[in-house]
Amino acid sequence: MPQLNPAPWFAMLVFTWLVFLTIIPPKVSAHTFPNEPTMQSTEKPKTQPWNWPWH
């Protein structure tokens, strides 16, 4: 049974994890957002009541 021989798939598993752990994290950590978030004020805006004439 060839699936019991770990030689073909174990090397691919190790190589794949080496790629994931060496190439991808720097690319993800170097990502910058196009718009930096701004802090919103804690004051609530004053609202004006509607004075519509009801018919």
N, C-alpha and C. Protein backbone atom coordinates (compact mmCIF):
# COMPACT_ATOMS: atom_id res chain seq x y z
N MET A 1 0.84 -1.19 0.00
CA MET A 1 0.00 0.00 0.00
C MET A 1 0.89 1.25 0.00
N PRO A 2 0.80 2.08 -1.02
CA PRO A 2 1.70 3.22 -1.10
C PRO A 2 1.37 4.35 -0.11
N GLN A 3 0.14 4.40 0.41
CA GLN A 3 -0.20 5.48 1.32
C GLN A 3 0.47 5.33 2.68
N LEU A 4 1.02 4.14 2.98
CA LEU A 4 1.70 3.95 4.25
C LEU A 4 3.15 4.41 4.19
N ASN A 5 3.66 4.70 3.03
CA ASN A 5 5.02 5.18 2.88
C ASN A 5 5.02 6.69 3.08
N PRO A 6 5.63 7.21 4.15
CA PRO A 6 5.54 8.65 4.41
C PRO A 6 6.48 9.50 3.56
N ALA A 7 7.36 8.90 2.81
CA ALA A 7 8.37 9.67 2.08
C ALA A 7 7.77 10.65 1.05
N PRO A 8 6.79 10.28 0.23
CA PRO A 8 6.35 11.24 -0.79
C PRO A 8 5.56 12.42 -0.23
N TRP A 9 4.71 12.20 0.75
CA TRP A 9 3.85 13.30 1.21
C TRP A 9 4.44 14.06 2.38
N PHE A 10 5.34 13.44 3.16
CA PHE A 10 5.89 14.14 4.31
C PHE A 10 6.82 15.28 3.87
N ALA A 11 7.61 15.05 2.83
CA ALA A 11 8.48 16.10 2.32
C ALA A 11 7.65 17.26 1.77
N MET A 12 6.56 16.97 1.11
CA MET A 12 5.69 18.02 0.59
C MET A 12 5.02 18.78 1.74
N LEU A 13 4.64 18.10 2.78
CA LEU A 13 4.04 18.74 3.95
C LEU A 13 5.04 19.70 4.60
N VAL A 14 6.25 19.26 4.80
CA VAL A 14 7.27 20.10 5.42
C VAL A 14 7.59 21.30 4.53
N PHE A 15 7.74 21.08 3.26
CA PHE A 15 8.04 22.18 2.33
C PHE A 15 6.90 23.20 2.30
N THR A 16 5.67 22.72 2.31
CA THR A 16 4.52 23.62 2.28
C THR A 16 4.48 24.48 3.54
N TRP A 17 4.72 23.88 4.71
CA TRP A 17 4.72 24.66 5.95
C TRP A 17 5.88 25.63 6.01
N LEU A 18 7.01 25.26 5.43
CA LEU A 18 8.13 26.21 5.37
C LEU A 18 7.76 27.43 4.52
N VAL A 19 7.06 27.19 3.44
CA VAL A 19 6.61 28.30 2.60
C VAL A 19 5.62 29.17 3.37
N PHE A 20 4.67 28.53 4.04
CA PHE A 20 3.68 29.29 4.80
C PHE A 20 4.32 30.11 5.91
N LEU A 21 5.31 29.56 6.58
CA LEU A 21 5.88 30.24 7.74
C LEU A 21 7.00 31.21 7.40
N THR A 22 7.52 31.19 6.19
CA THR A 22 8.60 32.11 5.85
C THR A 22 8.18 33.19 4.86
N ILE A 23 7.31 32.90 3.94
CA ILE A 23 6.96 33.87 2.90
C ILE A 23 5.69 34.64 3.24
N ILE A 24 4.69 33.98 3.72
CA ILE A 24 3.38 34.62 3.88
C ILE A 24 3.32 35.59 5.08
N PRO A 25 3.86 35.28 6.28
CA PRO A 25 3.73 36.25 7.39
C PRO A 25 4.32 37.63 7.13
N PRO A 26 5.49 37.77 6.51
CA PRO A 26 5.95 39.14 6.23
C PRO A 26 5.04 39.89 5.26
N LYS A 27 4.45 39.18 4.31
CA LYS A 27 3.55 39.84 3.38
C LYS A 27 2.29 40.32 4.09
N VAL A 28 1.80 39.52 5.01
CA VAL A 28 0.59 39.90 5.73
C VAL A 28 0.88 41.05 6.70
N SER A 29 2.02 40.98 7.40
CA SER A 29 2.32 42.03 8.36
C SER A 29 2.70 43.34 7.69
N ALA A 30 3.12 43.32 6.43
CA ALA A 30 3.46 44.55 5.73
C ALA A 30 2.25 45.21 5.09
N HIS A 31 1.09 44.62 5.23
CA HIS A 31 -0.12 45.18 4.64
C HIS A 31 -0.48 46.48 5.33
N THR A 32 -0.80 47.48 4.55
CA THR A 32 -1.23 48.76 5.10
C THR A 32 -2.64 49.06 4.61
N PHE A 33 -3.39 49.71 5.46
CA PHE A 33 -4.75 50.08 5.11
C PHE A 33 -4.73 51.40 4.35
N PRO A 34 -5.55 51.56 3.32
CA PRO A 34 -5.55 52.82 2.57
C PRO A 34 -6.08 53.99 3.38
N ASN A 35 -7.00 53.75 4.27
CA ASN A 35 -7.58 54.83 5.08
C ASN A 35 -7.40 54.48 6.55
N GLU A 36 -6.67 55.32 7.25
CA GLU A 36 -6.49 55.10 8.68
C GLU A 36 -7.78 55.48 9.40
N PRO A 37 -8.19 54.71 10.39
CA PRO A 37 -9.42 55.06 11.11
C PRO A 37 -9.22 56.32 11.95
N THR A 38 -10.24 57.12 12.03
CA THR A 38 -10.19 58.35 12.83
C THR A 38 -11.09 58.19 14.04
N MET A 39 -10.70 58.85 15.09
CA MET A 39 -11.50 58.78 16.32
C MET A 39 -12.73 59.65 16.18
N GLN A 40 -13.86 59.12 16.63
CA GLN A 40 -15.09 59.90 16.60
C GLN A 40 -15.26 60.58 17.94
N SER A 41 -15.90 61.74 17.92
CA SER A 41 -16.10 62.46 19.17
C SER A 41 -17.19 61.76 19.99
N THR A 42 -17.09 61.94 21.30
CA THR A 42 -18.07 61.31 22.18
C THR A 42 -19.31 62.16 22.35
N GLU A 43 -19.26 63.43 21.88
CA GLU A 43 -20.43 64.29 21.99
C GLU A 43 -21.48 63.87 20.97
N LYS A 44 -22.71 63.83 21.43
CA LYS A 44 -23.80 63.50 20.52
C LYS A 44 -24.20 64.77 19.76
N PRO A 45 -24.46 64.65 18.49
CA PRO A 45 -24.88 65.85 17.75
C PRO A 45 -26.28 66.29 18.19
N LYS A 46 -26.46 67.61 18.23
CA LYS A 46 -27.77 68.13 18.62
C LYS A 46 -28.73 67.99 17.46
N THR A 47 -29.86 67.45 17.74
CA THR A 47 -30.87 67.26 16.70
C THR A 47 -31.98 68.27 16.88
N GLN A 48 -32.52 68.71 15.79
CA GLN A 48 -33.62 69.67 15.81
C GLN A 48 -34.93 68.91 15.61
N PRO A 49 -35.96 69.25 16.34
CA PRO A 49 -37.24 68.56 16.14
C PRO A 49 -37.86 68.96 14.80
N TRP A 50 -38.61 68.06 14.25
CA TRP A 50 -39.29 68.36 13.00
C TRP A 50 -40.57 69.14 13.31
N ASN A 51 -40.76 70.22 12.62
CA ASN A 51 -41.98 71.00 12.83
C ASN A 51 -42.82 70.99 11.55
N TRP A 52 -43.12 69.81 11.08
CA TRP A 52 -43.95 69.70 9.89
C TRP A 52 -45.42 69.91 10.23
N PRO A 53 -46.12 70.61 9.40
CA PRO A 53 -47.56 70.74 9.65
C PRO A 53 -48.27 69.44 9.28
N TRP A 54 -49.00 68.91 10.21
CA TRP A 54 -49.73 67.66 9.93
C TRP A 54 -51.14 68.03 9.52
N HIS A 55 -51.60 67.51 8.43
CA HIS A 55 -52.93 67.83 7.91
C HIS A 55 -53.87 66.70 8.19
